[in-house]
N, C-alpha and C. Protein backbone atom coordinates (compact mmCIF):
# COMPACT_ATOMS: atom_id res chain seq x y z
N GLY A 1 0.74 -1.17 0.00
CA GLY A 1 -0.08 0.01 0.25
C GLY A 1 0.94 1.32 0.08
N LEU A 2 1.94 1.41 0.92
CA LEU A 2 2.79 2.57 0.84
C LEU A 2 3.41 2.67 -0.49
N LEU A 3 4.16 1.50 -0.72
CA LEU A 3 4.88 1.68 -2.02
C LEU A 3 4.26 2.03 -3.15
N LEU A 4 2.84 1.60 -3.22
CA LEU A 4 1.94 1.92 -4.47
C LEU A 4 1.71 3.29 -4.35
N ARG A 5 1.40 3.94 -3.01
CA ARG A 5 1.25 5.24 -2.87
C ARG A 5 2.25 6.23 -2.94
N LEU A 6 3.55 5.80 -2.86
CA LEU A 6 4.71 6.55 -2.97
C LEU A 6 4.90 6.61 -4.51
N LEU A 7 4.61 5.48 -5.35
CA LEU A 7 4.98 5.39 -6.68
C LEU A 7 3.92 6.54 -7.33
N LEU A 8 2.69 6.53 -6.87
CA LEU A 8 1.49 7.21 -7.55
C LEU A 8 1.83 8.84 -7.33
N GLY A 9 2.57 8.88 -6.02
CA GLY A 9 2.72 10.33 -5.84
C GLY A 9 3.91 11.01 -6.61
N LEU A 10 4.96 9.80 -6.89
CA LEU A 10 6.28 10.22 -7.69
C LEU A 10 5.52 10.56 -9.17
N LEU A 11 4.49 9.27 -9.79
CA LEU A 11 4.01 9.74 -10.97
C LEU A 11 3.40 11.11 -11.11
N GLY A 12 2.73 11.45 -10.19
CA GLY A 12 1.98 12.70 -10.18
C GLY A 12 2.99 13.91 -10.35
N LEU A 13 4.21 13.76 -9.49
CA LEU A 13 4.89 14.92 -9.41
C LEU A 13 5.47 14.92 -10.81
N LEU A 14 5.92 13.93 -11.40
CA LEU A 14 6.57 13.55 -12.61
C LEU A 14 5.59 14.49 -13.86
N ARG A 15 4.21 13.95 -13.66
CA ARG A 15 3.21 14.49 -14.60
C ARG A 15 3.25 16.23 -14.51
N LEU A 16 3.31 16.55 -13.12
CA LEU A 16 3.40 18.16 -12.97
C LEU A 16 4.68 18.74 -13.55
N LEU A 17 5.80 18.20 -13.40
CA LEU A 17 6.83 18.67 -13.96
C LEU A 17 6.71 18.70 -15.30
N LEU A 18 6.37 17.60 -15.79
CA LEU A 18 6.48 17.42 -17.42
C LEU A 18 5.49 18.46 -17.92
N GLY A 19 4.23 18.70 -17.25
CA GLY A 19 3.28 19.61 -17.68
C GLY A 19 3.74 21.14 -17.82
N LEU A 20 4.47 21.23 -16.43
CA LEU A 20 5.26 22.56 -16.44
C LEU A 20 6.29 22.82 -17.65
N LEU A 21 7.16 22.07 -17.81
CA LEU A 21 8.12 21.83 -18.85
C LEU A 21 7.70 22.29 -19.94
N LEU A 22 6.50 21.46 -20.30
CA LEU A 22 5.82 21.63 -21.65
C LEU A 22 5.20 23.18 -21.89
N GLY A 23 4.48 23.46 -20.86
CA GLY A 23 3.95 24.76 -20.70
C GLY A 23 4.96 26.12 -20.83
N LEU A 24 6.14 25.64 -20.37
CA LEU A 24 7.19 26.78 -20.52
C LEU A 24 7.82 26.74 -22.00
N LEU A 25 8.04 25.40 -22.86
CA LEU A 25 8.51 25.27 -23.84
C LEU A 25 7.30 26.07 -24.83
N LEU A 26 6.10 25.75 -24.72
CA LEU A 26 4.88 26.39 -25.60
C LEU A 26 5.27 27.92 -25.33
N LEU A 27 5.32 28.53 -24.07
CA LEU A 27 5.23 29.74 -24.16
C LEU A 27 6.67 30.51 -24.55
N GLY A 28 8.00 29.67 -24.43
CA GLY A 28 8.92 30.10 -25.19
C GLY A 28 8.78 30.36 -26.88
N LEU A 29 8.09 29.24 -27.50
CA LEU A 29 7.75 28.99 -28.67
C LEU A 29 6.94 30.10 -29.02
N LEU A 30 5.98 30.36 -28.28
CA LEU A 30 4.82 31.54 -28.66
C LEU A 30 5.73 33.03 -28.70
N LEU A 31 6.48 33.34 -27.44
CA LEU A 31 7.20 34.16 -27.55
C LEU A 31 8.31 34.40 -28.64
N GLY A 32 8.85 33.21 -29.01
CA GLY A 32 9.69 33.19 -30.29
C GLY A 32 9.33 33.65 -31.49
N LEU A 33 8.02 33.17 -31.80
CA LEU A 33 7.15 33.60 -33.11
C LEU A 33 6.70 35.03 -32.84
N LEU A 34 6.49 35.27 -31.81
CA LEU A 34 5.93 36.85 -31.61
C LEU A 34 7.37 37.98 -31.98
N ARG A 35 8.31 37.48 -31.35
CA ARG A 35 9.68 38.35 -31.84
C ARG A 35 10.03 37.99 -33.25
N LEU A 36 9.72 37.11 -33.64
CA LEU A 36 10.25 36.81 -35.04
C LEU A 36 9.22 37.91 -36.32
N LEU A 37 7.98 37.69 -35.66
CA LEU A 37 6.90 38.56 -36.54
C LEU A 37 7.07 39.79 -36.46
N LEU A 38 7.30 40.28 -35.01
CA LEU A 38 7.87 41.93 -35.18
C LEU A 38 9.05 42.19 -35.71
N GLY A 39 10.00 41.17 -35.74
CA GLY A 39 11.29 41.53 -36.54
C GLY A 39 10.95 41.56 -37.72
N LEU A 40 10.15 40.67 -38.30
CA LEU A 40 9.95 40.71 -39.87
C LEU A 40 9.12 42.10 -40.13
N LEU A 41 7.86 42.59 -39.56
CA LEU A 41 7.40 43.76 -39.29
C LEU A 41 8.41 44.88 -39.38
N GLY A 42 9.16 44.91 -38.45
CA GLY A 42 10.11 45.90 -38.41
C GLY A 42 10.94 45.92 -39.29
N ALA A 43 11.62 45.02 -40.26
CA ALA A 43 12.06 44.92 -41.40
C ALA A 43 11.60 45.61 -42.47
N ALA A 44 10.22 44.90 -42.50
CA ALA A 44 9.38 45.25 -43.79
C ALA A 44 9.17 46.79 -43.64
N ALA A 45 8.76 47.38 -42.44
CA ALA A 45 8.67 48.65 -42.18
C ALA A 45 9.84 49.67 -42.79
N ALA A 46 11.03 49.13 -42.51
CA ALA A 46 12.24 49.82 -42.71
C ALA A 46 12.44 49.85 -43.87
N ASP A 47 12.11 48.88 -44.73
CA ASP A 47 12.26 48.30 -46.09
C ASP A 47 11.51 49.26 -46.95
N ILE A 48 10.35 49.47 -46.51
CA ILE A 48 9.30 49.97 -47.10
C ILE A 48 9.29 51.58 -46.80
N ASP A 49 9.28 52.48 -48.15
CA ASP A 49 8.98 53.95 -47.94
C ASP A 49 7.71 54.38 -47.81
N VAL A 50 7.18 54.67 -46.65
CA VAL A 50 5.74 54.97 -46.25
C VAL A 50 5.61 55.94 -47.19
N GLY A 51 6.24 57.19 -46.96
CA GLY A 51 5.95 58.38 -47.82
C GLY A 51 5.58 58.02 -49.34
N ARG A 52 6.31 57.15 -49.88
CA ARG A 52 6.22 56.84 -51.30
C ARG A 52 4.80 56.16 -51.35
N ILE A 53 4.43 55.37 -50.67
CA ILE A 53 3.37 54.34 -50.67
C ILE A 53 1.97 55.44 -50.54
N ILE A 54 1.93 56.10 -49.74
CA ILE A 54 1.17 57.36 -49.70
C ILE A 54 0.85 58.11 -50.73
N ARG A 55 1.98 58.45 -51.22
CA ARG A 55 1.77 59.27 -52.62
C ARG A 55 1.03 58.49 -53.87
N GLU A 56 1.89 57.12 -53.99
CA GLU A 56 1.05 56.14 -55.07
C GLU A 56 -0.21 55.97 -54.78
N VAL A 57 -0.68 55.92 -53.40
CA VAL A 57 -2.11 55.60 -53.15
C VAL A 57 -2.84 57.02 -53.73
N LEU A 58 -2.61 58.19 -53.26
CA LEU A 58 -3.08 59.63 -53.38
C LEU A 58 -2.98 59.70 -55.20
N ASN A 59 -1.93 59.23 -55.53
CA ASN A 59 -2.10 59.44 -57.24
C ASN A 59 -2.99 58.75 -58.05
N LYS A 60 -3.41 57.34 -57.41
CA LYS A 60 -4.25 56.69 -57.92
C LYS A 60 -5.96 57.25 -57.92
């Protein structure tokens, strides 16, 4: 009885730790994607001349 309870406790702890690790991993992945998107947007914004676009839109 005691050994089984100990084993179940360890299993629960392991599951908790795995869940935590997985959560951190997913969070890191999401943050990485967000940073990538922001970086791409920043690069695109720096690459594109906003004034030129506005002029082109107004000329049409």
